[in-house]
Amino acid sequence: MTFDKVTVKQMAKEIEEAVQSVGKKFGVTIQYRSARFTSLESTFKLVASTVSSSGETNEAMNYKAFAIEYGLDLKWLGKKFVHGKKEFRIEGLSSRRKQSNVIVSNNGKRFSASPAQIRIFLGHN
């Protein structure tokens, strides 16, 4: 067997599904983030995050706490917008990034954008 893009994507999906029971057991969410591979080996990045008692992620809580400081509206959390031909959803705010710190997702894949980009995408420039 050799690793290729299709195989690694299929494996990543099944790995993420398989670790969900572990996440529930420990009260965290576990998400697949990325993979690197050669024909002989692959490395998968999974991120486990704590969840508040209300079910919010740390990034969503960060958004609620700091959105106004970045010129973002609190109502935009969870809002969807279209960029190019893809639909994105605002997931939260990363406390580890200084500039492109707004986390957005498209079909489960996560990206980062700057607050200025978010304002433009939502038509609030």
PDB file of N, CA and C in Angstrom:
ATOM      1  N   MET A   1       0.835  -1.186   0.000  1.00  0.00           N
ATOM      2  CA  MET A   1       0.000   0.000   0.000  1.00  0.00           C
ATOM      3  C   MET A   1       0.880   1.248   0.000  1.00  0.00           C
ATOM      4  N   THR A   2       0.435   2.265  -0.711  1.00  0.00           N
ATOM      5  CA  THR A   2       1.080   3.574  -0.666  1.00  0.00           C
ATOM      6  C   THR A   2       0.014   4.608  -0.344  1.00  0.00           C
ATOM      7  N   PHE A   3       0.447   5.697   0.239  1.00  0.00           N
ATOM      8  CA  PHE A   3      -0.473   6.772   0.579  1.00  0.00           C
ATOM      9  C   PHE A   3      -0.614   7.719  -0.596  1.00  0.00           C
ATOM     10  N   ASP A   4      -1.848   8.114  -0.866  1.00  0.00           N
ATOM     11  CA  ASP A   4      -2.124   9.151  -1.858  1.00  0.00           C
ATOM     12  C   ASP A   4      -3.193  10.071  -1.287  1.00  0.00           C
ATOM     13  N   LYS A   5      -3.500  11.140  -1.989  1.00  0.00           N
ATOM     14  CA  LYS A   5      -4.414  12.160  -1.483  1.00  0.00           C
ATOM     15  C   LYS A   5      -5.790  11.585  -1.148  1.00  0.00           C
ATOM     16  N   VAL A   6      -6.321  10.753  -2.001  1.00  0.00           N
ATOM     17  CA  VAL A   6      -7.654  10.181  -1.789  1.00  0.00           C
ATOM     18  C   VAL A   6      -7.663   9.276  -0.558  1.00  0.00           C
ATOM     19  N   THR A   7      -6.668   8.416  -0.445  1.00  0.00           N
ATOM     20  CA  THR A   7      -6.583   7.495   0.688  1.00  0.00           C
ATOM     21  C   THR A   7      -6.430   8.252   2.003  1.00  0.00           C
ATOM     22  N   VAL A   8      -5.572   9.260   2.022  1.00  0.00           N
ATOM     23  CA  VAL A   8      -5.347  10.039   3.249  1.00  0.00           C
ATOM     24  C   VAL A   8      -6.614  10.765   3.662  1.00  0.00           C
ATOM     25  N   LYS A   9      -7.360  11.329   2.712  1.00  0.00           N
ATOM     26  CA  LYS A   9      -8.621  12.005   3.047  1.00  0.00           C
ATOM     27  C   LYS A   9      -9.631  11.024   3.625  1.00  0.00           C
ATOM     28  N   GLN A  10      -9.727   9.841   3.050  1.00  0.00           N
ATOM     29  CA  GLN A  10     -10.652   8.828   3.567  1.00  0.00           C
ATOM     30  C   GLN A  10     -10.245   8.389   4.969  1.00  0.00           C
ATOM     31  N   MET A  11      -8.959   8.188   5.159  1.00  0.00           N
ATOM     32  CA  MET A  11      -8.464   7.793   6.477  1.00  0.00           C
ATOM     33  C   MET A  11      -8.733   8.882   7.512  1.00  0.00           C
ATOM     34  N   ALA A  12      -8.508  10.140   7.142  1.00  0.00           N
ATOM     35  CA  ALA A  12      -8.717  11.254   8.067  1.00  0.00           C
ATOM     36  C   ALA A  12     -10.165  11.303   8.534  1.00  0.00           C
ATOM     37  N   LYS A  13     -11.086  11.110   7.599  1.00  0.00           N
ATOM     38  CA  LYS A  13     -12.509  11.132   7.955  1.00  0.00           C
ATOM     39  C   LYS A  13     -12.835  10.004   8.931  1.00  0.00           C
ATOM     40  N   GLU A  14     -12.337   8.812   8.664  1.00  0.00           N
ATOM     41  CA  GLU A  14     -12.615   7.675   9.540  1.00  0.00           C
ATOM     42  C   GLU A  14     -11.924   7.817  10.894  1.00  0.00           C
ATOM     43  N   ILE A  15     -10.729   8.382  10.915  1.00  0.00           N
ATOM     44  CA  ILE A  15     -10.026   8.608  12.184  1.00  0.00           C
ATOM     45  C   ILE A  15     -10.805   9.601  13.039  1.00  0.00           C
ATOM     46  N   GLU A  16     -11.270  10.685  12.424  1.00  0.00           N
ATOM     47  CA  GLU A  16     -12.025  11.686  13.182  1.00  0.00           C
ATOM     48  C   GLU A  16     -13.298  11.074  13.764  1.00  0.00           C
ATOM     49  N   GLU A  17     -13.994  10.262  12.980  1.00  0.00           N
ATOM     50  CA  GLU A  17     -15.203   9.601  13.477  1.00  0.00           C
ATOM     51  C   GLU A  17     -14.870   8.634  14.615  1.00  0.00           C
ATOM     52  N   ALA A  18     -13.763   7.922  14.479  1.00  0.00           N
ATOM     53  CA  ALA A  18     -13.385   6.922  15.471  1.00  0.00           C
ATOM     54  C   ALA A  18     -13.023   7.536  16.830  1.00  0.00           C
ATOM     55  N   VAL A  19     -12.449   8.729  16.847  1.00  0.00           N
ATOM     56  CA  VAL A  19     -12.016   9.329  18.116  1.00  0.00           C
ATOM     57  C   VAL A  19     -13.123  10.118  18.812  1.00  0.00           C
ATOM     58  N   GLN A  20     -14.294  10.226  18.192  1.00  0.00           N
ATOM     59  CA  GLN A  20     -15.375  10.987  18.822  1.00  0.00           C
ATOM     60  C   GLN A  20     -15.814  10.367  20.144  1.00  0.00           C
ATOM     61  N   SER A  21     -15.799   9.041  20.246  1.00  0.00           N
ATOM     62  CA  SER A  21     -16.182   8.402  21.509  1.00  0.00           C
ATOM     63  C   SER A  21     -15.172   8.733  22.614  1.00  0.00           C
ATOM     64  N   VAL A  22     -13.916   8.861  22.261  1.00  0.00           N
ATOM     65  CA  VAL A  22     -12.891   9.258  23.235  1.00  0.00           C
ATOM     66  C   VAL A  22     -13.158  10.691  23.694  1.00  0.00           C
ATOM     67  N   GLY A  23     -13.497  11.564  22.752  1.00  0.00           N
ATOM     68  CA  GLY A  23     -13.810  12.948  23.099  1.00  0.00           C
ATOM     69  C   GLY A  23     -14.990  13.039  24.049  1.00  0.00           C
ATOM     70  N   LYS A  24     -16.040  12.269  23.776  1.00  0.00           N
ATOM     71  CA  LYS A  24     -17.218  12.274  24.661  1.00  0.00           C
ATOM     72  C   LYS A  24     -16.849  11.779  26.050  1.00  0.00           C
ATOM     73  N   LYS A  25     -16.017  10.746  26.110  1.00  0.00           N
ATOM     74  CA  LYS A  25     -15.611  10.188  27.396  1.00  0.00           C
ATOM     75  C   LYS A  25     -14.904  11.222  28.265  1.00  0.00           C
ATOM     76  N   PHE A  26     -14.080  12.086  27.641  1.00  0.00           N
ATOM     77  CA  PHE A  26     -13.306  13.074  28.389  1.00  0.00           C
ATOM     78  C   PHE A  26     -13.904  14.481  28.352  1.00  0.00           C
ATOM     79  N   GLY A  27     -15.038  14.645  27.684  1.00  0.00           N
ATOM     80  CA  GLY A  27     -15.706  15.942  27.646  1.00  0.00           C
ATOM     81  C   GLY A  27     -14.997  16.983  26.802  1.00  0.00           C
ATOM     82  N   VAL A  28     -14.410  16.544  25.693  1.00  0.00           N
ATOM     83  CA  VAL A  28     -13.730  17.466  24.780  1.00  0.00           C
ATOM     84  C   VAL A  28     -14.200  17.197  23.357  1.00  0.00           C
ATOM     85  N   THR A  29     -13.950  18.145  22.466  1.00  0.00           N
ATOM     86  CA  THR A  29     -14.197  17.901  21.051  1.00  0.00           C
ATOM     87  C   THR A  29     -12.857  17.579  20.403  1.00  0.00           C
ATOM     88  N   ILE A  30     -12.870  16.652  19.494  1.00  0.00           N
ATOM     89  CA  ILE A  30     -11.660  16.283  18.769  1.00  0.00           C
ATOM     90  C   ILE A  30     -11.929  16.474  17.289  1.00  0.00           C
ATOM     91  N   GLN A  31     -11.100  17.300  16.654  1.00  0.00           N
ATOM     92  CA  GLN A  31     -11.291  17.616  15.244  1.00  0.00           C
ATOM     93  C   GLN A  31     -10.025  17.328  14.457  1.00  0.00           C
ATOM     94  N   TYR A  32     -10.231  16.806  13.268  1.00  0.00           N
ATOM     95  CA  TYR A  32      -9.135  16.630  12.324  1.00  0.00           C
ATOM     96  C   TYR A  32      -8.785  17.997  11.764  1.00  0.00           C
ATOM     97  N   ARG A  33      -7.515  18.320  11.688  1.00  0.00           N
ATOM     98  CA  ARG A  33      -7.087  19.614  11.155  1.00  0.00           C
ATOM     99  C   ARG A  33      -6.319  19.477   9.848  1.00  0.00           C
ATOM    100  N   SER A  34      -5.367  18.547   9.786  1.00  0.00           N
ATOM    101  CA  SER A  34      -4.578  18.453   8.561  1.00  0.00           C
ATOM    102  C   SER A  34      -3.842  17.120   8.525  1.00  0.00           C
ATOM    103  N   ALA A  35      -3.238  16.863   7.383  1.00  0.00           N
ATOM    104  CA  ALA A  35      -2.428  15.649   7.230  1.00  0.00           C
ATOM    105  C   ALA A  35      -1.286  15.949   6.278  1.00  0.00           C
ATOM    106  N   ARG A  36      -0.190  15.277   6.521  1.00  0.00           N
ATOM    107  CA  ARG A  36       0.955  15.330   5.612  1.00  0.00           C
ATOM    108  C   ARG A  36       1.300  13.891   5.283  1.00  0.00           C
ATOM    109  N   PHE A  37       1.728  13.674   4.072  1.00  0.00           N
ATOM    110  CA  PHE A  37       2.037  12.296   3.715  1.00  0.00           C
ATOM    111  C   PHE A  37       3.078  12.206   2.612  1.00  0.00           C
ATOM    112  N   THR A  38       3.753  11.084   2.610  1.00  0.00           N
ATOM    113  CA  THR A  38       4.599  10.665   1.507  1.00  0.00           C
ATOM    114  C   THR A  38       4.007   9.341   1.048  1.00  0.00           C
ATOM    115  N   SER A  39       4.603   8.722   0.097  1.00  0.00           N
ATOM    116  CA  SER A  39       4.056   7.444  -0.362  1.00  0.00           C
ATOM    117  C   SER A  39       4.187   6.359   0.709  1.00  0.00           C
ATOM    118  N   LEU A  40       5.088   6.555   1.692  1.00  0.00           N
ATOM    119  CA  LEU A  40       5.346   5.517   2.696  1.00  0.00           C
ATOM    120  C   LEU A  40       4.765   5.796   4.083  1.00  0.00           C
ATOM    121  N   GLU A  41       4.477   7.066   4.404  1.00  0.00           N
ATOM    122  CA  GLU A  41       3.929   7.358   5.723  1.00  0.00           C
ATOM    123  C   GLU A  41       3.051   8.597   5.681  1.00  0.00           C
ATOM    124  N   SER A  42       2.164   8.695   6.676  1.00  0.00           N
ATOM    125  CA  SER A  42       1.323   9.884   6.789  1.00  0.00           C
ATOM    126  C   SER A  42       1.240  10.301   8.250  1.00  0.00           C
ATOM    127  N   THR A  43       1.073  11.594   8.463  1.00  0.00           N
ATOM    128  CA  THR A  43       0.950  12.168   9.797  1.00  0.00           C
ATOM    129  C   THR A  43      -0.345  12.974   9.829  1.00  0.00           C
ATOM    130  N   PHE A  44      -1.173  12.710  10.830  1.00  0.00           N
ATOM    131  CA  PHE A  44      -2.453  13.394  10.962  1.00  0.00           C
ATOM    132  C   PHE A  44      -2.418  14.310  12.169  1.00  0.00           C
ATOM    133  N   LYS A  45      -2.987  15.500  12.028  1.00  0.00           N
ATOM    134  CA  LYS A  45      -3.070  16.432  13.143  1.00  0.00           C
ATOM    135  C   LYS A  45      -4.516  16.463  13.630  1.00  0.00           C
ATOM    136  N   LEU A  46      -4.700  16.102  14.879  1.00  0.00           N
ATOM    137  CA  LEU A  46      -5.990  16.179  15.540  1.00  0.00           C
ATOM    138  C   LEU A  46      -5.868  17.181  16.675  1.00  0.00           C
ATOM    139  N   VAL A  47      -6.917  17.957  16.902  1.00  0.00           N
ATOM    140  CA  VAL A  47      -6.897  18.936  17.981  1.00  0.00           C
ATOM    141  C   VAL A  47      -8.057  18.639  18.928  1.00  0.00           C
ATOM    142  N   ALA A  48      -7.730  18.472  20.199  1.00  0.00           N
ATOM    143  CA  ALA A  48      -8.742  18.275  21.236  1.00  0.00           C
ATOM    144  C   ALA A  48      -8.942  19.605  21.954  1.00  0.00           C
ATOM    145  N   SER A  49     -10.201  20.022  22.067  1.00  0.00           N
ATOM    146  CA  SER A  49     -10.517  21.296  22.709  1.00  0.00           C
ATOM    147  C   SER A  49     -11.564  21.086  23.790  1.00  0.00           C
ATOM    148  N   THR A  50     -11.415  21.836  24.869  1.00  0.00           N
ATOM    149  CA  THR A  50     -12.423  21.774  25.920  1.00  0.00           C
ATOM    150  C   THR A  50     -13.687  22.465  25.431  1.00  0.00           C
ATOM    151  N   VAL A  51     -14.785  22.084  26.029  1.00  0.00           N
ATOM    152  CA  VAL A  51     -16.082  22.652  25.675  1.00  0.00           C
ATOM    153  C   VAL A  51     -16.704  23.160  26.963  1.00  0.00           C
ATOM    154  N   SER A  52     -17.325  24.335  26.887  1.00  0.00           N
ATOM    155  CA  SER A  52     -17.959  24.889  28.087  1.00  0.00           C
ATOM    156  C   SER A  52     -19.201  24.078  28.438  1.00  0.00           C
ATOM    157  N   SER A  53     -19.751  24.333  29.610  1.00  0.00           N
ATOM    158  CA  SER A  53     -20.955  23.616  30.040  1.00  0.00           C
ATOM    159  C   SER A  53     -22.132  23.902  29.112  1.00  0.00           C
ATOM    160  N   SER A  54     -22.087  25.034  28.411  1.00  0.00           N
ATOM    161  CA  SER A  54     -23.159  25.364  27.466  1.00  0.00           C
ATOM    162  C   SER A  54     -22.901  24.779  26.080  1.00  0.00           C
ATOM    163  N   GLY A  55     -21.754  24.095  25.911  1.00  0.00           N
ATOM    164  CA  GLY A  55     -21.453  23.462  24.630  1.00  0.00           C
ATOM    165  C   GLY A  55     -20.649  24.318  23.675  1.00  0.00           C
ATOM    166  N   GLU A  56     -20.197  25.487  24.139  1.00  0.00           N
ATOM    167  CA  GLU A  56     -19.421  26.387  23.280  1.00  0.00           C
ATOM    168  C   GLU A  56     -17.943  26.006  23.277  1.00  0.00           C
ATOM    169  N   THR A  57     -17.306  26.211  22.138  1.00  0.00           N
ATOM    170  CA  THR A  57     -15.867  25.987  22.047  1.00  0.00           C
ATOM    171  C   THR A  57     -15.134  27.185  22.643  1.00  0.00           C
ATOM    172  N   ASN A  58     -13.853  27.008  22.905  1.00  0.00           N
ATOM    173  CA  ASN A  58     -13.031  28.115  23.410  1.00  0.00           C
ATOM    174  C   ASN A  58     -13.027  29.272  22.422  1.00  0.00           C
ATOM    175  N   GLU A  59     -12.988  28.954  21.126  1.00  0.00           N
ATOM    176  CA  GLU A  59     -12.949  30.007  20.113  1.00  0.00           C
ATOM    177  C   GLU A  59     -14.240  30.816  20.106  1.00  0.00           C
ATOM    178  N   ALA A  60     -15.374  30.162  20.299  1.00  0.00           N
ATOM    179  CA  ALA A  60     -16.647  30.882  20.357  1.00  0.00           C
ATOM    180  C   ALA A  60     -16.696  31.784  21.597  1.00  0.00           C
ATOM    181  N   MET A  61     -16.186  31.268  22.722  1.00  0.00           N
ATOM    182  CA  MET A  61     -16.158  32.081  23.945  1.00  0.00           C
ATOM    183  C   MET A  61     -15.211  33.269  23.771  1.00  0.00           C
ATOM    184  N   ASN A  62     -14.066  33.047  23.106  1.00  0.00           N
ATOM    185  CA  ASN A  62     -13.133  34.146  22.823  1.00  0.00           C
ATOM    186  C   ASN A  62     -13.788  35.198  21.951  1.00  0.00           C
ATOM    187  N   TYR A  63     -14.556  34.756  20.976  1.00  0.00           N
ATOM    188  CA  TYR A  63     -15.239  35.701  20.088  1.00  0.00           C
ATOM    189  C   TYR A  63     -16.176  36.589  20.908  1.00  0.00           C
ATOM    190  N   LYS A  64     -16.962  35.980  21.761  1.00  0.00           N
ATOM    191  CA  LYS A  64     -17.906  36.753  22.573  1.00  0.00           C
ATOM    192  C   LYS A  64     -17.192  37.728  23.505  1.00  0.00           C
ATOM    193  N   ALA A  65     -16.014  37.328  23.986  1.00  0.00           N
ATOM    194  CA  ALA A  65     -15.282  38.176  24.926  1.00  0.00           C
ATOM    195  C   ALA A  65     -14.533  39.317  24.252  1.00  0.00           C
ATOM    196  N   PHE A  66     -14.016  39.091  23.019  1.00  0.00           N
ATOM    197  CA  PHE A  66     -13.109  40.067  22.422  1.00  0.00           C
ATOM    198  C   PHE A  66     -13.544  40.623  21.068  1.00  0.00           C
ATOM    199  N   ALA A  67     -14.673  40.226  20.563  1.00  0.00           N
ATOM    200  CA  ALA A  67     -15.096  40.654  19.218  1.00  0.00           C
ATOM    201  C   ALA A  67     -15.125  42.170  19.076  1.00  0.00           C
ATOM    202  N   ILE A  68     -15.651  42.844  20.047  1.00  0.00           N
ATOM    203  CA  ILE A  68     -15.807  44.298  19.955  1.00  0.00           C
ATOM    204  C   ILE A  68     -14.447  44.989  19.841  1.00  0.00           C
ATOM    205  N   GLU A  69     -13.434  44.442  20.509  1.00  0.00           N
ATOM    206  CA  GLU A  69     -12.094  45.026  20.433  1.00  0.00           C
ATOM    207  C   GLU A  69     -11.514  44.954  19.017  1.00  0.00           C
ATOM    208  N   TYR A  70     -11.999  44.002  18.228  1.00  0.00           N
ATOM    209  CA  TYR A  70     -11.515  43.842  16.853  1.00  0.00           C
ATOM    210  C   TYR A  70     -12.485  44.441  15.833  1.00  0.00           C
ATOM    211  N   GLY A  71     -13.502  45.149  16.307  1.00  0.00           N
ATOM    212  CA  GLY A  71     -14.465  45.768  15.395  1.00  0.00           C
ATOM    213  C   GLY A  71     -15.439  44.776  14.793  1.00  0.00           C
ATOM    214  N   LEU A  72     -15.686  43.684  15.497  1.00  0.00           N
ATOM    215  CA  LEU A  72     -16.614  42.662  15.019  1.00  0.00           C
ATOM    216  C   LEU A  72     -17.906  42.732  15.821  1.00  0.00           C
ATOM    217  N   ASP A  73     -19.005  42.396  15.195  1.00  0.00           N
ATOM    218  CA  ASP A  73     -20.305  42.400  15.851  1.00  0.00           C
ATOM    219  C   ASP A  73     -20.538  41.050  16.517  1.00  0.00           C
ATOM    220  N   LEU A  74     -21.052  41.052  17.735  1.00  0.00           N
ATOM    221  CA  LEU A  74     -21.320  39.801  18.441  1.00  0.00           C
ATOM    222  C   LEU A  74     -22.326  38.929  17.692  1.00  0.00           C
ATOM    223  N   LYS A  75     -23.229  39.548  16.938  1.00  0.00           N
ATOM    224  CA  LYS A  75     -24.246  38.798  16.191  1.00  0.00           C
ATOM    225  C   LYS A  75     -23.659  38.020  15.018  1.00  0.00           C
ATOM    226  N   TRP A  76     -22.434  38.297  14.647  1.00  0.00           N
ATOM    227  CA  TRP A  76     -21.823  37.614  13.502  1.00  0.00           C
ATOM    228  C   TRP A  76     -21.345  36.205  13.841  1.00  0.00           C
ATOM    229  N   LEU A  77     -21.201  35.874  15.100  1.00  0.00           N
ATOM    230  CA  LEU A  77     -20.769  34.528  15.483  1.00  0.00           C
ATOM    231  C   LEU A  77     -21.801  33.521  14.960  1.00  0.00           C
ATOM    232  N   GLY A  78     -21.345  32.565  14.172  1.00  0.00           N
ATOM    233  CA  GLY A  78     -22.238  31.575  13.577  1.00  0.00           C
ATOM    234  C   GLY A  78     -22.846  31.991  12.259  1.00  0.00           C
ATOM    235  N   LYS A  79     -22.636  33.245  11.882  1.00  0.00           N
ATOM    236  CA  LYS A  79     -23.202  33.758  10.632  1.00  0.00           C
ATOM    237  C   LYS A  79     -22.455  33.177   9.432  1.00  0.00           C
ATOM    238  N   LYS A  80     -23.199  32.953   8.355  1.00  0.00           N
ATOM    239  CA  LYS A  80     -22.613  32.416   7.130  1.00  0.00           C
ATOM    240  C   LYS A  80     -22.465  33.530   6.104  1.00  0.00           C
ATOM    241  N   PHE A  81     -21.416  33.408   5.285  1.00  0.00           N
ATOM    242  CA  PHE A  81     -21.205  34.351   4.189  1.00  0.00           C
ATOM    243  C   PHE A  81     -20.590  33.590   3.017  1.00  0.00           C
ATOM    244  N   VAL A  82     -20.717  34.171   1.837  1.00  0.00           N
ATOM    245  CA  VAL A  82     -20.166  33.547   0.636  1.00  0.00           C
ATOM    246  C   VAL A  82     -18.956  34.342   0.186  1.00  0.00           C
ATOM    247  N   HIS A  83     -17.885  33.619  -0.087  1.00  0.00           N
ATOM    248  CA  HIS A  83     -16.665  34.217  -0.632  1.00  0.00           C
ATOM    249  C   HIS A  83     -16.262  33.359  -1.817  1.00  0.00           C
ATOM    250  N   GLY A  84     -16.178  33.990  -2.977  1.00  0.00           N
ATOM    251  CA  GLY A  84     -15.963  33.208  -4.192  1.00  0.00           C
ATOM    252  C   GLY A  84     -17.207  32.375  -4.431  1.00  0.00           C
ATOM    253  N   LYS A  85     -17.049  31.076  -4.554  1.00  0.00           N
ATOM    254  CA  LYS A  85     -18.189  30.178  -4.733  1.00  0.00           C
ATOM    255  C   LYS A  85     -18.444  29.332  -3.497  1.00  0.00           C
ATOM    256  N   LYS A  86     -17.751  29.637  -2.407  1.00  0.00           N
ATOM    257  CA  LYS A  86     -17.855  28.813  -1.207  1.00  0.00           C
ATOM    258  C   LYS A  86     -18.567  29.557  -0.083  1.00  0.00           C
ATOM    259  N   GLU A  87     -19.313  28.797   0.705  1.00  0.00           N
ATOM    260  CA  GLU A  87     -19.996  29.355   1.861  1.00  0.00           C
ATOM    261  C   GLU A  87     -19.173  29.060   3.117  1.00  0.00           C
ATOM    262  N   PHE A  88     -18.962  30.080   3.924  1.00  0.00           N
ATOM    263  CA  PHE A  88     -18.187  29.967   5.150  1.00  0.00           C
ATOM    264  C   PHE A  88     -19.064  30.336   6.338  1.00  0.00           C
ATOM    265  N   ARG A  89     -18.682  29.824   7.498  1.00  0.00           N
ATOM    266  CA  ARG A  89     -19.382  30.131   8.749  1.00  0.00           C
ATOM    267  C   ARG A  89     -18.363  30.652   9.751  1.00  0.00           C
ATOM    268  N   ILE A  90     -18.695  31.722  10.454  1.00  0.00           N
ATOM    269  CA  ILE A  90     -17.806  32.279  11.475  1.00  0.00           C
ATOM    270  C   ILE A  90     -17.921  31.414  12.729  1.00  0.00           C
ATOM    271  N   GLU A  91     -16.784  30.821  13.127  1.00  0.00           N
ATOM    272  CA  GLU A  91     -16.759  29.871  14.238  1.00  0.00           C
ATOM    273  C   GLU A  91     -16.258  30.474  15.545  1.00  0.00           C
ATOM    274  N   GLY A  92     -15.400  31.493  15.453  1.00  0.00           N
ATOM    275  CA  GLY A  92     -14.870  32.063  16.684  1.00  0.00           C
ATOM    276  C   GLY A  92     -13.624  32.881  16.452  1.00  0.00           C
ATOM    277  N   LEU A  93     -12.893  33.095  17.533  1.00  0.00           N
ATOM    278  CA  LEU A  93     -11.708  33.937  17.513  1.00  0.00           C
ATOM    279  C   LEU A  93     -10.559  33.175  18.161  1.00  0.00           C
ATOM    280  N   SER A  94      -9.427  33.134  17.485  1.00  0.00           N
ATOM    281  CA  SER A  94      -8.259  32.443  18.030  1.00  0.00           C
ATOM    282  C   SER A  94      -7.466  33.406  18.900  1.00  0.00           C
ATOM    283  N   SER A  95      -7.161  32.978  20.109  1.00  0.00           N
ATOM    284  CA  SER A  95      -6.390  33.836  21.009  1.00  0.00           C
ATOM    285  C   SER A  95      -4.890  33.718  20.731  1.00  0.00           C
ATOM    286  N   ARG A  96      -4.499  32.802  19.852  1.00  0.00           N
ATOM    287  CA  ARG A  96      -3.079  32.589  19.558  1.00  0.00           C
ATOM    288  C   ARG A  96      -2.579  33.412  18.377  1.00  0.00           C
ATOM    289  N   ARG A  97      -3.467  34.008  17.651  1.00  0.00           N
ATOM    290  CA  ARG A  97      -3.068  34.764  16.464  1.00  0.00           C
ATOM    291  C   ARG A  97      -3.266  36.257  16.704  1.00  0.00           C
ATOM    292  N   LYS A  98      -2.380  37.049  16.130  1.00  0.00           N
ATOM    293  CA  LYS A  98      -2.506  38.500  16.287  1.00  0.00           C
ATOM    294  C   LYS A  98      -3.308  39.122  15.152  1.00  0.00           C
ATOM    295  N   GLN A  99      -3.156  38.625  13.928  1.00  0.00           N
ATOM    296  CA  GLN A  99      -3.797  39.284  12.790  1.00  0.00           C
ATOM    297  C   GLN A  99      -4.967  38.481  12.224  1.00  0.00           C
ATOM    298  N   SER A 100      -4.713  37.418  11.540  1.00  0.00           N
ATOM    299  CA  SER A 100      -5.803  36.614  10.965  1.00  0.00           C
ATOM    300  C   SER A 100      -6.341  35.684  12.044  1.00  0.00           C
ATOM    301  N   ASN A 101      -7.119  36.256  12.953  1.00  0.00           N
ATOM    302  CA  ASN A 101      -7.516  35.515  14.142  1.00  0.00           C
ATOM    303  C   ASN A 101      -8.984  35.096  14.176  1.00  0.00           C
ATOM    304  N   VAL A 102      -9.743  35.417  13.125  1.00  0.00           N
ATOM    305  CA  VAL A 102     -11.129  34.987  13.069  1.00  0.00           C
ATOM    306  C   VAL A 102     -11.158  33.612  12.405  1.00  0.00           C
ATOM    307  N   ILE A 103     -11.753  32.637  13.079  1.00  0.00           N
ATOM    308  CA  ILE A 103     -11.816  31.276  12.563  1.00  0.00           C
ATOM    309  C   ILE A 103     -13.126  31.108  11.802  1.00  0.00           C
ATOM    310  N   VAL A 104     -13.014  30.670  10.553  1.00  0.00           N
ATOM    311  CA  VAL A 104     -14.177  30.395   9.717  1.00  0.00           C
ATOM    312  C   VAL A 104     -14.064  28.954   9.223  1.00  0.00           C
ATOM    313  N   SER A 105     -15.198  28.370   8.847  1.00  0.00           N
ATOM    314  CA  SER A 105     -15.161  26.999   8.352  1.00  0.00           C
ATOM    315  C   SER A 105     -15.972  26.860   7.080  1.00  0.00           C
ATOM    316  N   ASN A 106     -15.578  25.882   6.288  1.00  0.00           N
ATOM    317  CA  ASN A 106     -16.272  25.533   5.048  1.00  0.00           C
ATOM    318  C   ASN A 106     -16.242  24.020   4.951  1.00  0.00           C
ATOM    319  N   ASN A 107     -17.395  23.391   5.039  1.00  0.00           N
ATOM    320  CA  ASN A 107     -17.505  21.926   4.965  1.00  0.00           C
ATOM    321  C   ASN A 107     -16.562  21.226   5.938  1.00  0.00           C
ATOM    322  N   GLY A 108     -16.465  21.743   7.156  1.00  0.00           N
ATOM    323  CA  GLY A 108     -15.639  21.111   8.174  1.00  0.00           C
ATOM    324  C   GLY A 108     -14.178  21.506   8.153  1.00  0.00           C
ATOM    325  N   LYS A 109     -13.740  22.162   7.089  1.00  0.00           N
ATOM    326  CA  LYS A 109     -12.350  22.607   7.012  1.00  0.00           C
ATOM    327  C   LYS A 109     -12.272  24.019   7.570  1.00  0.00           C
ATOM    328  N   ARG A 110     -11.265  24.276   8.373  1.00  0.00           N
ATOM    329  CA  ARG A 110     -11.161  25.560   9.068  1.00  0.00           C
ATOM    330  C   ARG A 110     -10.109  26.448   8.427  1.00  0.00           C
ATOM    331  N   PHE A 111     -10.402  27.735   8.409  1.00  0.00           N
ATOM    332  CA  PHE A 111      -9.509  28.741   7.848  1.00  0.00           C
ATOM    333  C   PHE A 111      -9.464  29.922   8.802  1.00  0.00           C
ATOM    334  N   SER A 112      -8.495  30.794   8.600  1.00  0.00           N
ATOM    335  CA  SER A 112      -8.443  32.008   9.403  1.00  0.00           C
ATOM    336  C   SER A 112      -8.557  33.211   8.483  1.00  0.00           C
ATOM    337  N   ALA A 113      -9.133  34.265   9.023  1.00  0.00           N
ATOM    338  CA  ALA A 113      -9.301  35.511   8.276  1.00  0.00           C
ATOM    339  C   ALA A 113      -9.090  36.665   9.238  1.00  0.00           C
ATOM    340  N   SER A 114      -8.756  37.809   8.699  1.00  0.00           N
ATOM    341  CA  SER A 114      -8.584  38.979   9.554  1.00  0.00           C
ATOM    342  C   SER A 114      -9.951  39.602   9.839  1.00  0.00           C
ATOM    343  N   PRO A 115     -10.067  40.345  10.934  1.00  0.00           N
ATOM    344  CA  PRO A 115     -11.321  41.041  11.207  1.00  0.00           C
ATOM    345  C   PRO A 115     -11.735  41.969  10.054  1.00  0.00           C
ATOM    346  N   ALA A 116     -10.748  42.613   9.410  1.00  0.00           N
ATOM    347  CA  ALA A 116     -11.058  43.497   8.287  1.00  0.00           C
ATOM    348  C   ALA A 116     -11.676  42.706   7.131  1.00  0.00           C
ATOM    349  N   GLN A 117     -11.140  41.516   6.860  1.00  0.00           N
ATOM    350  CA  GLN A 117     -11.704  40.681   5.804  1.00  0.00           C
ATOM    351  C   GLN A 117     -13.141  40.279   6.135  1.00  0.00           C
ATOM    352  N   ILE A 118     -13.391  39.941   7.374  1.00  0.00           N
ATOM    353  CA  ILE A 118     -14.742  39.540   7.787  1.00  0.00           C
ATOM    354  C   ILE A 118     -15.720  40.692   7.583  1.00  0.00           C
ATOM    355  N   ARG A 119     -15.300  41.907   7.967  1.00  0.00           N
ATOM    356  CA  ARG A 119     -16.179  43.063   7.774  1.00  0.00           C
ATOM    357  C   ARG A 119     -16.494  43.250   6.283  1.00  0.00           C
ATOM    358  N   ILE A 120     -15.499  43.075   5.414  1.00  0.00           N
ATOM    359  CA  ILE A 120     -15.716  43.204   3.973  1.00  0.00           C
ATOM    360  C   ILE A 120     -16.633  42.098   3.472  1.00  0.00           C
ATOM    361  N   PHE A 121     -16.376  40.853   3.874  1.00  0.00           N
ATOM    362  CA  PHE A 121     -17.195  39.731   3.418  1.00  0.00           C
ATOM    363  C   PHE A 121     -18.654  39.895   3.813  1.00  0.00           C
ATOM    364  N   LEU A 122     -18.896  40.498   4.980  1.00  0.00           N
ATOM    365  CA  LEU A 122     -20.262  40.699   5.458  1.00  0.00           C
ATOM    366  C   LEU A 122     -20.850  42.037   5.035  1.00  0.00           C
ATOM    367  N   GLY A 123     -20.104  42.818   4.269  1.00  0.00           N
ATOM    368  CA  GLY A 123     -20.589  44.090   3.762  1.00  0.00           C
ATOM    369  C   GLY A 123     -20.671  45.188   4.810  1.00  0.00           C
ATOM    370  N   HIS A 124     -19.811  45.138   5.811  1.00  0.00           N
ATOM    371  CA  HIS A 124     -19.796  46.153   6.878  1.00  0.00           C
ATOM    372  C   HIS A 124     -18.459  46.844   6.949  1.00  0.00           C
ATOM    373  N   ASN A 125     -18.000  47.362   5.859  1.00  0.00           N
ATOM    374  CA  ASN A 125     -16.660  47.971   5.829  1.00  0.00           C
ATOM    375  C   ASN A 125     -16.685  49.408   6.252  1.00  0.00           C
TER     376      ASN A 125
END
